[in-house]
Amino acid sequence: MQMHGARSLPLRIQAMTDVQSAETVAVASETLPPPAKTRVHAPGAVGVHISGVGCRATASISPDRVWIGSLMPGDVEPVVESIISAVLTVEPHPRFVVVGTPGHVNGDLGTVTAAANLGQGWRGTVELAELLRSRLGCEVELCNDAEAALEGERRRGALVACNDGALVTLSQGVGVALLHDGIQQPTELGHSVSQYGGPECRGRPHRGCYESYLGGWALPIRYRERHPGFHGVLASEIPDDHEFWTECGRRLGDLIVGLCLLGQPLEAISFIGSVAQARHGYLLPGVRARLNEEEALLATRPRSLRVTPLGDDVSVLGAFLMARDRLHPFLAA
């Protein structure tokens, strides 16, 4: 029996006030709020992700509560101001903030180095954690954005229940993070050399690394080398050129072969970033074709190659989960 006015009562009370209706009790039990350890909001915890194209922040694991803002690459101060504004927008009283950033991160010192995708002012070493800590008045930790993404992916995305895997970022840059026996291992393998004497890398003083071929900043340059009439500056402006993108997929496959040759069994590899999401239809077949050429990898090759189901929010959600763990360790789910 449906009671009038029951909508205004809590679900638990609805179930109790209905005249012993087993059906109503069953419905109420299915719609009860989740237990405390899985609640989406943890007061004071904030995750932030900055990149060469934008800034994202959230104080919740709910994707529809992610704040998204533009971020113009340049000097340090404008980026710091953007981060502070983003944090205070999602949480007026922050207590613990984790920032996922490109570049080489020293978590102990709170510094980021060679984050060239953020602009000229970030080519050296920036004491980002202290800059934010002094203005926000709360604890701030830094992590590489691939590390933040891996945290989100292994807990909410394509690497759930995976103990040994990898996450590859294809966005403005190229990043690789490994998961070994459930423990994260950030790497700089996106800057490992793909071809000696190849094109110059924008973020490191070397040539021919994977980022110089597959990074979002590099792809338009590589395409223009083949098609001089192309005048685009963004990877999204490159047409659906089957030959070009398939070759990119095979080069990405070389990187995956290198991961397999580390000797660590890989259950799954997840791909994130704007380039991976937009061009996975070309890239992943190229990766699979390259892996199929290596018979010696049968014991270590991944069983699953997938694009993240979390979209562009994977890094900021991972950063939030890390902040929540620090602030509310018993909510770690």
Protein backbone atom coordinates (compact mmCIF):
# COMPACT_ATOMS: atom_id res chain seq x y z
CA MET A 1 0.00 0.00 0.00
CA GLN A 2 1.39 3.39 -0.99
CA MET A 3 1.07 6.02 1.75
CA HIS A 4 0.20 9.59 0.88
CA GLY A 5 2.97 11.99 1.80
CA ALA A 6 5.58 9.24 2.09
CA ARG A 7 7.90 11.07 -0.26
CA SER A 8 8.62 13.66 2.39
CA LEU A 9 9.81 10.99 4.84
CA PRO A 10 13.26 9.38 4.90
CA LEU A 11 13.43 6.05 3.12
CA ARG A 12 13.97 4.13 6.33
CA ILE A 13 10.84 5.71 7.82
CA GLN A 14 8.85 5.02 4.67
CA ALA A 15 9.61 1.33 4.97
CA MET A 16 8.62 1.25 8.64
CA THR A 17 5.37 3.22 8.31
CA ASP A 18 4.02 1.21 5.41
CA VAL A 19 1.73 -1.49 6.80
CA GLN A 20 4.17 -4.40 6.84
CA SER A 21 4.42 -4.35 3.04
CA ALA A 22 7.25 -6.65 2.06
CA GLU A 23 7.32 -5.10 -1.39
CA THR A 24 7.78 -1.58 -0.02
CA VAL A 25 10.49 -2.74 2.39
CA ALA A 26 12.38 -4.32 -0.50
CA VAL A 27 12.15 -1.15 -2.60
CA ALA A 28 13.29 1.00 0.31
CA SER A 29 16.27 -1.23 1.02
CA GLU A 30 17.40 -0.94 -2.59
CA THR A 31 17.34 2.86 -2.48
CA LEU A 32 18.95 3.48 0.90
CA PRO A 33 21.93 5.88 0.90
CA PRO A 34 25.31 4.18 0.46
CA PRO A 35 27.29 3.33 3.59
CA ALA A 36 29.51 6.05 4.99
CA LYS A 37 32.73 4.65 3.56
CA THR A 38 31.47 5.13 -0.01
CA ARG A 39 29.89 8.56 0.32
CA VAL A 40 30.91 10.87 -2.50
CA HIS A 41 31.79 13.94 -0.43
CA ALA A 42 34.54 14.15 2.16
CA PRO A 43 34.60 17.62 3.77
CA GLY A 44 37.90 19.45 3.29
CA ALA A 45 39.45 17.11 0.69
CA VAL A 46 40.11 18.55 -2.77
CA GLY A 47 41.64 17.09 -5.91
CA VAL A 48 43.06 19.27 -8.69
CA HIS A 49 44.43 18.44 -12.13
CA ILE A 50 46.29 21.01 -14.20
CA SER A 51 47.41 20.57 -17.78
CA GLY A 52 48.40 22.64 -20.77
CA VAL A 53 44.75 23.07 -21.73
CA GLY A 54 42.80 23.43 -18.51
CA CYS A 55 42.31 23.12 -14.77
CA ARG A 56 39.87 20.73 -13.08
CA ALA A 57 38.96 20.53 -9.41
CA THR A 58 36.56 18.51 -7.32
CA ALA A 59 35.64 17.80 -3.72
CA SER A 60 33.60 14.74 -4.69
CA ILE A 61 33.90 11.46 -6.60
CA SER A 62 30.76 12.38 -8.54
CA PRO A 63 31.75 13.30 -12.14
CA ASP A 64 28.92 15.82 -12.40
CA ARG A 65 30.51 17.86 -9.59
CA VAL A 66 33.86 18.46 -11.29
CA TRP A 67 34.70 22.13 -11.81
CA ILE A 68 36.31 22.82 -15.19
CA GLY A 69 38.17 25.99 -16.12
CA SER A 70 40.55 27.18 -18.80
CA LEU A 71 44.27 27.48 -18.11
CA MET A 72 46.46 29.49 -20.43
CA PRO A 73 50.08 28.23 -20.46
CA GLY A 74 52.47 30.92 -19.29
CA ASP A 75 54.17 32.10 -16.13
CA VAL A 76 53.86 30.51 -12.70
CA GLU A 77 51.72 33.13 -10.95
CA PRO A 78 48.63 32.98 -13.24
CA VAL A 79 48.56 29.19 -12.96
CA VAL A 80 48.85 29.34 -9.16
CA GLU A 81 45.98 31.84 -9.02
CA SER A 82 43.87 29.57 -11.21
CA ILE A 83 44.50 26.61 -8.89
CA ILE A 84 43.59 28.63 -5.79
CA SER A 85 40.40 29.90 -7.41
CA ALA A 86 39.45 26.36 -8.46
CA VAL A 87 40.05 24.93 -4.98
CA LEU A 88 37.99 27.59 -3.21
CA THR A 89 35.19 27.20 -5.74
CA VAL A 90 34.64 23.53 -4.93
CA GLU A 91 35.56 23.69 -1.22
CA PRO A 92 35.44 27.06 0.63
CA HIS A 93 37.29 25.53 3.60
CA PRO A 94 39.96 23.18 2.20
CA ARG A 95 41.95 21.05 4.62
CA PHE A 96 43.96 18.80 2.29
CA VAL A 97 44.63 19.37 -1.42
CA VAL A 98 46.33 17.04 -3.89
CA VAL A 99 47.41 18.53 -7.22
CA GLY A 100 48.16 16.35 -10.22
CA THR A 101 50.54 18.13 -12.57
CA PRO A 102 52.66 17.35 -15.63
CA GLY A 103 56.43 17.37 -15.26
CA HIS A 104 58.79 15.68 -12.84
CA VAL A 105 57.38 15.87 -9.32
CA ASN A 106 59.37 15.62 -6.11
CA GLY A 107 56.68 14.88 -3.57
CA ASP A 108 59.02 15.25 -0.59
CA LEU A 109 60.15 18.74 -1.61
CA GLY A 110 56.81 19.76 -3.11
CA THR A 111 58.41 20.80 -6.39
CA VAL A 112 57.65 20.27 -10.06
CA THR A 113 60.37 20.45 -12.72
CA ALA A 114 60.29 20.70 -16.51
CA ALA A 115 56.50 21.04 -16.77
CA ALA A 116 56.92 22.70 -20.16
CA ASN A 117 53.31 22.01 -21.14
CA LEU A 118 52.27 24.61 -18.55
CA GLY A 119 54.29 27.36 -20.24
CA GLN A 120 57.72 28.95 -20.37
CA GLY A 121 57.78 29.79 -16.67
CA TRP A 122 57.58 26.09 -15.79
CA ARG A 123 60.68 24.84 -17.59
CA GLY A 124 62.74 25.05 -14.42
CA THR A 125 61.86 23.96 -10.86
CA VAL A 126 58.80 25.48 -9.18
CA GLU A 127 58.02 25.12 -5.46
CA LEU A 128 54.35 24.71 -6.22
CA ALA A 129 53.27 23.02 -2.98
CA GLU A 130 54.60 25.85 -0.80
CA LEU A 131 53.12 28.53 -3.08
CA LEU A 132 49.70 26.94 -2.66
CA ARG A 133 50.10 26.00 1.00
CA SER A 134 50.95 29.57 2.05
CA ARG A 135 47.83 30.97 0.36
CA LEU A 136 45.29 28.26 1.03
CA GLY A 137 46.36 27.72 4.63
CA CYS A 138 46.12 23.95 4.39
CA GLU A 139 48.26 20.93 3.55
CA VAL A 140 49.08 20.50 -0.15
CA GLU A 141 50.67 17.51 -1.87
CA LEU A 142 51.84 17.19 -5.46
CA CYS A 143 51.87 14.15 -7.69
CA ASN A 144 52.47 13.54 -11.37
CA ASP A 145 49.22 13.66 -13.31
CA ALA A 146 49.79 10.11 -14.58
CA GLU A 147 50.07 8.95 -10.95
CA ALA A 148 46.80 10.70 -10.10
CA ALA A 149 45.14 9.15 -13.14
CA LEU A 150 46.35 5.69 -12.18
CA GLU A 151 44.82 6.11 -8.74
CA GLY A 152 41.48 7.02 -10.29
CA GLU A 153 41.67 4.28 -12.88
CA ARG A 154 42.52 1.45 -10.48
CA ARG A 155 39.71 2.42 -8.11
CA ARG A 156 36.98 3.65 -10.45
CA GLY A 157 38.02 2.92 -14.02
CA ALA A 158 39.41 0.27 -16.36
CA LEU A 159 42.00 -1.08 -13.89
CA VAL A 160 39.63 -1.95 -11.06
CA ALA A 161 40.61 -5.32 -9.52
CA CYS A 162 43.89 -5.23 -11.47
CA ASN A 163 47.10 -5.86 -9.52
CA ASP A 164 49.56 -5.59 -12.41
CA GLY A 165 48.90 -3.15 -15.20
CA ALA A 166 49.83 0.15 -16.77
CA LEU A 167 48.27 3.46 -17.61
CA VAL A 168 49.39 5.41 -20.67
CA THR A 169 48.52 9.09 -21.05
CA LEU A 170 48.21 10.52 -24.56
CA SER A 171 47.39 14.18 -24.18
CA GLN A 172 49.63 17.23 -24.59
CA GLY A 173 52.42 14.94 -23.40
CA VAL A 174 52.95 11.22 -23.06
CA GLY A 175 53.03 9.64 -19.61
CA VAL A 176 53.34 6.10 -18.29
CA ALA A 177 52.52 4.81 -14.81
CA LEU A 178 52.86 1.17 -13.75
CA LEU A 179 50.87 -0.84 -11.25
CA HIS A 180 52.90 -3.70 -9.79
CA ASP A 181 51.36 -5.97 -7.16
CA GLY A 182 48.85 -3.21 -6.44
CA ILE A 183 51.55 -0.57 -5.86
CA GLN A 184 51.94 2.47 -8.10
CA GLN A 185 55.25 3.07 -9.87
CA PRO A 186 55.39 6.40 -11.72
CA THR A 187 57.86 6.46 -14.61
CA GLU A 188 59.29 8.80 -17.22
CA LEU A 189 58.96 6.23 -20.00
CA GLY A 190 57.03 8.68 -22.14
CA HIS A 191 60.38 10.39 -22.57
CA SER A 192 62.29 7.21 -23.33
CA VAL A 193 63.86 7.22 -26.79
CA SER A 194 61.80 5.89 -29.66
CA GLN A 195 64.23 6.85 -32.41
CA TYR A 196 67.76 8.14 -31.94
CA GLY A 197 68.35 11.44 -33.71
CA GLY A 198 64.60 12.01 -34.00
CA PRO A 199 62.78 15.31 -33.50
CA GLU A 200 63.60 17.54 -30.55
CA CYS A 201 61.50 17.15 -27.41
CA ARG A 202 59.87 20.29 -26.07
CA GLY A 203 60.00 19.24 -22.43
CA ARG A 204 63.40 17.50 -22.14
CA PRO A 205 66.89 18.23 -23.54
CA HIS A 206 66.94 15.23 -25.86
CA ARG A 207 65.62 14.04 -29.21
CA GLY A 208 63.43 11.25 -30.52
CA CYS A 209 61.41 10.33 -27.41
CA TYR A 210 57.86 9.01 -27.64
CA GLU A 211 56.42 12.37 -26.65
CA SER A 212 58.17 14.08 -29.55
CA TYR A 213 56.14 11.81 -31.86
CA LEU A 214 52.89 11.18 -29.99
CA GLY A 215 52.42 14.19 -27.69
CA GLY A 216 49.53 16.49 -28.51
CA TRP A 217 51.94 19.35 -29.16
CA ALA A 218 54.08 17.19 -31.49
CA LEU A 219 51.41 15.47 -33.61
CA PRO A 220 50.54 18.56 -35.73
CA ILE A 221 54.25 19.07 -36.42
CA ARG A 222 54.74 15.46 -37.48
CA TYR A 223 51.65 15.63 -39.69
CA ARG A 224 52.84 18.88 -41.32
CA GLU A 225 56.12 17.18 -42.20
CA ARG A 226 54.09 14.82 -44.38
CA HIS A 227 51.53 17.35 -45.56
CA PRO A 228 53.08 20.85 -45.86
CA GLY A 229 49.67 22.31 -46.68
CA PHE A 230 48.38 21.48 -43.21
CA HIS A 231 48.26 24.60 -41.00
CA GLY A 232 46.62 23.26 -37.84
CA VAL A 233 48.25 23.60 -34.45
CA LEU A 234 46.14 21.12 -32.46
CA ALA A 235 46.02 17.33 -32.61
CA SER A 236 42.24 17.58 -32.92
CA GLU A 237 42.69 19.44 -36.22
CA ILE A 238 44.49 16.53 -37.88
CA PRO A 239 42.08 14.74 -40.26
CA ASP A 240 41.19 11.06 -40.10
CA ASP A 241 44.26 10.06 -42.08
CA HIS A 242 44.32 6.27 -41.77
CA GLU A 243 47.97 5.89 -42.75
CA PHE A 244 49.21 8.58 -40.33
CA TRP A 245 47.20 7.45 -37.32
CA THR A 246 47.91 3.77 -37.89
CA GLU A 247 51.62 4.54 -37.95
CA CYS A 248 51.17 6.44 -34.68
CA GLY A 249 49.45 3.35 -33.29
CA ARG A 250 52.40 1.18 -34.23
CA ARG A 251 54.82 3.60 -32.58
CA LEU A 252 52.64 3.51 -29.48
CA GLY A 253 52.85 -0.28 -29.81
CA ASP A 254 56.65 0.02 -29.59
CA LEU A 255 56.19 1.73 -26.23
CA ILE A 256 53.86 -1.05 -25.04
CA VAL A 257 56.35 -3.70 -26.22
CA GLY A 258 58.95 -1.92 -24.10
CA LEU A 259 56.66 -2.18 -21.07
CA CYS A 260 56.21 -5.89 -21.69
CA LEU A 261 59.97 -6.37 -21.94
CA LEU A 262 60.34 -5.08 -18.38
CA GLY A 263 59.35 -8.61 -17.38
CA GLN A 264 56.32 -7.61 -15.35
CA PRO A 265 53.12 -9.45 -16.30
CA LEU A 266 50.49 -6.96 -17.39
CA GLU A 267 46.87 -7.85 -16.85
CA ALA A 268 45.58 -4.71 -18.53
CA ILE A 269 46.66 -1.38 -19.99
CA SER A 270 44.39 1.65 -19.86
CA PHE A 271 44.78 4.67 -22.15
CA ILE A 272 43.72 8.15 -21.12
CA GLY A 273 43.97 11.68 -22.50
CA SER A 274 42.38 13.65 -25.30
CA VAL A 275 44.40 11.99 -28.08
CA ALA A 276 43.67 8.48 -26.82
CA GLN A 277 39.95 9.18 -26.50
CA ALA A 278 39.63 10.82 -29.91
CA ARG A 279 41.79 8.42 -31.96
CA HIS A 280 41.63 5.06 -30.18
CA GLY A 281 39.89 3.56 -33.20
CA TYR A 282 43.15 3.96 -35.12
CA LEU A 283 45.69 3.69 -32.31
CA LEU A 284 44.64 0.50 -30.53
CA PRO A 285 44.56 -1.71 -33.65
CA GLY A 286 48.09 -0.50 -34.40
CA VAL A 287 49.16 -1.41 -30.86
CA ARG A 288 47.65 -4.88 -31.15
CA ALA A 289 49.29 -5.46 -34.52
CA ARG A 290 52.68 -4.50 -33.08
CA LEU A 291 52.23 -6.80 -30.08
CA ASN A 292 51.27 -9.69 -32.34
CA GLU A 293 54.68 -9.43 -34.00
CA GLU A 294 56.43 -10.25 -30.73
CA GLU A 295 55.92 -13.95 -30.03
CA ALA A 296 58.29 -13.81 -27.06
CA LEU A 297 55.82 -11.60 -25.18
CA LEU A 298 53.12 -14.22 -24.77
CA ALA A 299 53.78 -14.48 -21.02
CA THR A 300 53.76 -10.75 -20.31
CA ARG A 301 51.51 -9.12 -22.91
CA PRO A 302 48.31 -7.55 -21.55
CA ARG A 303 45.01 -9.34 -21.93
CA SER A 304 43.11 -6.06 -22.12
CA LEU A 305 43.75 -2.77 -23.91
CA ARG A 306 41.08 -0.20 -23.07
CA VAL A 307 40.37 3.51 -23.08
CA THR A 308 39.34 4.85 -19.68
CA PRO A 309 35.60 4.98 -18.96
CA LEU A 310 36.21 8.06 -16.77
CA GLY A 311 36.95 10.39 -19.68
CA ASP A 312 38.81 13.63 -18.98
CA ASP A 313 38.03 13.46 -15.26
CA VAL A 314 40.24 10.48 -14.47
CA SER A 315 43.18 12.52 -13.10
CA VAL A 316 41.16 14.94 -10.99
CA LEU A 317 39.09 12.10 -9.52
CA GLY A 318 42.30 10.25 -8.69
CA ALA A 319 43.74 13.36 -7.02
CA PHE A 320 40.58 13.73 -4.96
CA LEU A 321 40.71 10.10 -3.84
CA MET A 322 44.32 10.62 -2.73
CA ALA A 323 43.37 13.75 -0.78
CA ARG A 324 40.40 11.96 0.77
CA ASP A 325 42.62 9.07 1.85
CA ARG A 326 45.01 11.46 3.62
CA LEU A 327 42.24 13.34 5.37
CA HIS A 328 39.72 10.54 5.96
CA PRO A 329 41.64 7.25 5.85
CA PHE A 330 38.65 5.16 6.90
CA LEU A 331 36.73 6.27 3.81
CA ALA A 332 39.27 4.71 1.45
CA ALA A 333 36.99 2.89 -0.98
